[in-house]
C-alpha atoms as a PDB file:
ATOM      1  CA  MET A   1     -41.374 123.302 103.997  1.00  0.00           C
ATOM      2  CA  LEU A   2     -41.100 119.934 105.812  1.00  0.00           C
ATOM      3  CA  GLY A   3     -39.415 121.651 108.744  1.00  0.00           C
ATOM      4  CA  ASP A   4     -42.883 122.626 109.955  1.00  0.00           C
ATOM      5  CA  TRP A   5     -43.974 118.992 110.402  1.00  0.00           C
ATOM      6  CA  ASP A   6     -43.071 116.178 112.784  1.00  0.00           C
ATOM      7  CA  ALA A   7     -40.962 113.293 111.499  1.00  0.00           C
ATOM      8  CA  ILE A   8     -41.640 109.698 112.534  1.00  0.00           C
ATOM      9  CA  ALA A   9     -38.836 107.143 112.830  1.00  0.00           C
ATOM     10  CA  THR A  10     -39.422 103.674 111.346  1.00  0.00           C
ATOM     11  CA  VAL A  11     -37.617 100.414 112.079  1.00  0.00           C
ATOM     12  CA  ALA A  12     -38.027  97.197 110.092  1.00  0.00           C
ATOM     13  CA  VAL A  13     -38.107  93.870 111.957  1.00  0.00           C
ATOM     14  CA  ARG A  14     -38.527  90.262 110.859  1.00  0.00           C
ATOM     15  CA  ASP A  15     -40.582  89.018 113.821  1.00  0.00           C
ATOM     16  CA  LEU A  16     -43.028  91.588 115.162  1.00  0.00           C
ATOM     17  CA  ALA A  17     -43.862  89.568 118.298  1.00  0.00           C
ATOM     18  CA  LYS A  18     -40.183  89.337 119.252  1.00  0.00           C
ATOM     19  CA  ALA A  19     -39.717  93.037 118.473  1.00  0.00           C
ATOM     20  CA  ARG A  20     -42.713  93.961 120.639  1.00  0.00           C
ATOM     21  CA  GLU A  21     -41.144  92.097 123.562  1.00  0.00           C
ATOM     22  CA  PHE A  22     -37.934  94.117 123.137  1.00  0.00           C
ATOM     23  CA  TYR A  23     -39.438  97.543 122.463  1.00  0.00           C
ATOM     24  CA  GLU A  24     -42.106  97.280 125.164  1.00  0.00           C
ATOM     25  CA  ASN A  25     -40.474  95.241 127.937  1.00  0.00           C
ATOM     26  CA  VAL A  26     -36.814  96.149 127.496  1.00  0.00           C
ATOM     27  CA  LEU A  27     -36.993  99.717 126.160  1.00  0.00           C
ATOM     28  CA  GLY A  28     -40.223 100.526 128.000  1.00  0.00           C
ATOM     29  CA  LEU A  29     -42.143 102.002 125.065  1.00  0.00           C
ATOM     30  CA  LYS A  30     -45.930 102.326 125.121  1.00  0.00           C
ATOM     31  CA  GLU A  31     -47.985 101.208 122.128  1.00  0.00           C
ATOM     32  CA  ILE A  32     -50.379 103.819 120.775  1.00  0.00           C
ATOM     33  CA  SER A  33     -51.704 101.845 117.786  1.00  0.00           C
ATOM     34  CA  SER A  34     -51.067  98.763 115.683  1.00  0.00           C
ATOM     35  CA  GLU A  35     -51.852  97.182 112.343  1.00  0.00           C
ATOM     36  CA  GLY A  36     -52.290  93.569 113.432  1.00  0.00           C
ATOM     37  CA  GLU A  37     -49.190  91.487 112.721  1.00  0.00           C
ATOM     38  CA  GLU A  38     -47.709  94.087 110.381  1.00  0.00           C
ATOM     39  CA  ALA A  39     -46.807  97.155 112.452  1.00  0.00           C
ATOM     40  CA  VAL A  40     -46.969  98.819 115.834  1.00  0.00           C
ATOM     41  CA  VAL A  41     -46.661 102.526 116.637  1.00  0.00           C
ATOM     42  CA  TYR A  42     -45.025 103.621 119.887  1.00  0.00           C
ATOM     43  CA  SER A  43     -45.052 106.931 121.703  1.00  0.00           C
ATOM     44  CA  THR A  44     -41.514 108.206 122.334  1.00  0.00           C
ATOM     45  CA  GLY A  45     -41.553 111.527 124.131  1.00  0.00           C
ATOM     46  CA  SER A  46     -43.171 113.970 121.730  1.00  0.00           C
ATOM     47  CA  ALA A  47     -42.426 111.758 118.703  1.00  0.00           C
ATOM     48  CA  LYS A  48     -43.480 108.350 117.378  1.00  0.00           C
ATOM     49  CA  LEU A  49     -41.618 105.198 116.404  1.00  0.00           C
ATOM     50  CA  VAL A  50     -43.139 102.772 113.893  1.00  0.00           C
ATOM     51  CA  VAL A  51     -41.877  99.194 114.089  1.00  0.00           C
ATOM     52  CA  TYR A  52     -43.001  97.195 111.063  1.00  0.00           C
ATOM     53  CA  ARG A  53     -42.529  93.714 109.663  1.00  0.00           C
ATOM     54  CA  SER A  54     -40.225  93.373 106.651  1.00  0.00           C
ATOM     55  CA  THR A  55     -38.091  90.677 105.066  1.00  0.00           C
ATOM     56  CA  LEU A  56     -35.415  93.365 104.591  1.00  0.00           C
ATOM     57  CA  ALA A  57     -35.033  94.020 108.337  1.00  0.00           C
ATOM     58  CA  GLY A  58     -31.661  94.536 109.997  1.00  0.00           C
ATOM     59  CA  ARG A  59     -29.565  95.081 106.886  1.00  0.00           C
ATOM     60  CA  SER A  60     -28.416  98.616 107.640  1.00  0.00           C
ATOM     61  CA  GLN A  61     -25.053  99.032 109.328  1.00  0.00           C
ATOM     62  CA  THR A  62     -25.822 102.601 110.360  1.00  0.00           C
ATOM     63  CA  THR A  63     -27.767 104.066 113.248  1.00  0.00           C
ATOM     64  CA  ALA A  64     -31.523 103.732 112.740  1.00  0.00           C
ATOM     65  CA  VAL A  65     -32.778 105.592 115.831  1.00  0.00           C
ATOM     66  CA  ASN A  66     -31.119 108.215 118.045  1.00  0.00           C
ATOM     67  CA  TRP A  67     -32.497 108.659 121.546  1.00  0.00           C
ATOM     68  CA  HIS A  68     -31.623 112.131 122.850  1.00  0.00           C
ATOM     69  CA  VAL A  69     -31.602 111.787 126.637  1.00  0.00           C
ATOM     70  CA  GLY A  70     -29.648 114.906 127.598  1.00  0.00           C
ATOM     71  CA  GLU A  71     -27.426 114.471 130.633  1.00  0.00           C
ATOM     72  CA  ASN A  72     -29.022 111.091 131.431  1.00  0.00           C
ATOM     73  CA  VAL A  73     -26.817 108.979 129.133  1.00  0.00           C
ATOM     74  CA  ASP A  74     -25.053 107.057 131.907  1.00  0.00           C
ATOM     75  CA  ARG A  75     -28.276 106.427 133.844  1.00  0.00           C
ATOM     76  CA  VAL A  76     -30.153 105.226 130.743  1.00  0.00           C
ATOM     77  CA  VAL A  77     -27.244 103.011 129.675  1.00  0.00           C
ATOM     78  CA  LYS A  78     -27.140 101.438 133.140  1.00  0.00           C
ATOM     79  CA  GLU A  79     -30.904 100.856 133.170  1.00  0.00           C
ATOM     80  CA  LEU A  80     -30.799  99.246 129.725  1.00  0.00           C
ATOM     81  CA  ARG A  81     -27.775  97.126 130.675  1.00  0.00           C
ATOM     82  CA  ASP A  82     -29.687  95.981 133.783  1.00  0.00           C
ATOM     83  CA  ARG A  83     -32.513  94.905 131.424  1.00  0.00           C
ATOM     84  CA  GLY A  84     -30.113  92.784 129.375  1.00  0.00           C
ATOM     85  CA  VAL A  85     -29.136  95.179 126.587  1.00  0.00           C
ATOM     86  CA  GLU A  86     -25.613  94.630 125.283  1.00  0.00           C
ATOM     87  CA  PHE A  87     -23.836  97.720 124.027  1.00  0.00           C
ATOM     88  CA  GLU A  88     -21.690  97.968 120.923  1.00  0.00           C
ATOM     89  CA  HIS A  89     -18.123  99.237 121.103  1.00  0.00           C
ATOM     90  CA  TYR A  90     -16.845 100.967 117.988  1.00  0.00           C
ATOM     91  CA  ASP A  91     -13.433 102.316 117.071  1.00  0.00           C
ATOM     92  CA  VAL A  92     -14.413 105.926 116.361  1.00  0.00           C
ATOM     93  CA  PRO A  93     -11.676 108.532 115.907  1.00  0.00           C
ATOM     94  CA  MET A  94     -11.662 111.161 118.648  1.00  0.00           C
ATOM     95  CA  LEU A  95     -14.035 109.159 120.914  1.00  0.00           C
ATOM     96  CA  ALA A  96     -12.725 107.409 124.021  1.00  0.00           C
ATOM     97  CA  LEU A  97     -14.593 104.491 125.551  1.00  0.00           C
ATOM     98  CA  GLU A  98     -15.700 104.800 129.190  1.00  0.00           C
ATOM     99  CA  GLY A  99     -17.474 101.548 130.016  1.00  0.00           C
ATOM    100  CA  ASP A 100     -20.157 101.325 127.337  1.00  0.00           C
ATOM    101  CA  VAL A 101     -20.210 105.067 126.584  1.00  0.00           C
ATOM    102  CA  HIS A 102     -18.103 106.700 123.862  1.00  0.00           C
ATOM    103  CA  VAL A 103     -17.035 110.191 124.915  1.00  0.00           C
ATOM    104  CA  THR A 104     -15.320 113.328 123.775  1.00  0.00           C
ATOM    105  CA  GLU A 105     -15.520 116.852 125.140  1.00  0.00           C
ATOM    106  CA  GLY A 106     -19.200 117.636 125.660  1.00  0.00           C
ATOM    107  CA  PHE A 107     -20.486 114.534 123.815  1.00  0.00           C
ATOM    108  CA  ARG A 108     -21.549 111.114 125.170  1.00  0.00           C
ATOM    109  CA  VAL A 109     -23.022 108.293 123.082  1.00  0.00           C
ATOM    110  CA  ALA A 110     -23.688 104.574 123.467  1.00  0.00           C
ATOM    111  CA  TRP A 111     -24.914 102.201 120.764  1.00  0.00           C
ATOM    112  CA  PHE A 112     -26.959  99.007 120.999  1.00  0.00           C
ATOM    113  CA  LYS A 113     -28.875  96.756 118.610  1.00  0.00           C
ATOM    114  CA  ASP A 114     -32.422  95.477 118.685  1.00  0.00           C
ATOM    115  CA  PRO A 115     -33.045  91.742 118.060  1.00  0.00           C
ATOM    116  CA  ASP A 116     -32.929  92.320 114.283  1.00  0.00           C
ATOM    117  CA  GLY A 117     -29.618  94.177 114.368  1.00  0.00           C
ATOM    118  CA  ASN A 118     -31.057  97.688 113.942  1.00  0.00           C
ATOM    119  CA  ILE A 119     -28.638 100.097 115.603  1.00  0.00           C
ATOM    120  CA  HIS A 120     -29.883 102.564 118.212  1.00  0.00           C
ATOM    121  CA  SER A 121     -27.919 105.252 120.020  1.00  0.00           C
ATOM    122  CA  ILE A 122     -28.328 106.910 123.393  1.00  0.00           C
ATOM    123  CA  LEU A 123     -26.778 110.375 123.271  1.00  0.00           C
ATOM    124  CA  ASN A 124     -26.649 113.642 125.127  1.00  0.00           C
ATOM    125  CA  ARG A 125     -27.161 116.007 122.183  1.00  0.00           C
END
């Protein structure tokens, strides 16, 4: 039933002003609406990302948002690195590290964190 509807990703942050700086100026997202100092909604391709204020922000140690960029992983990683994003390096079985990109046959992924520690990935599929 829910497969017929769009899903919206949500990310909790402690400081919405600081998060806006990161999501807009570093990641290049465009705001489509906001709820004052509580939340902002961004357009991300054909989807939406809600960034909202919460005292529970940044506690998850798992990936919060996956950005599917197809064959553009290396280009996007370079552009983000040029904007000051630091990438995470993880010891993942069967993935080799090439610069900031973890790779295996047919799969490329790079992880980074937002200012609150929410984990994002850039991946090709």
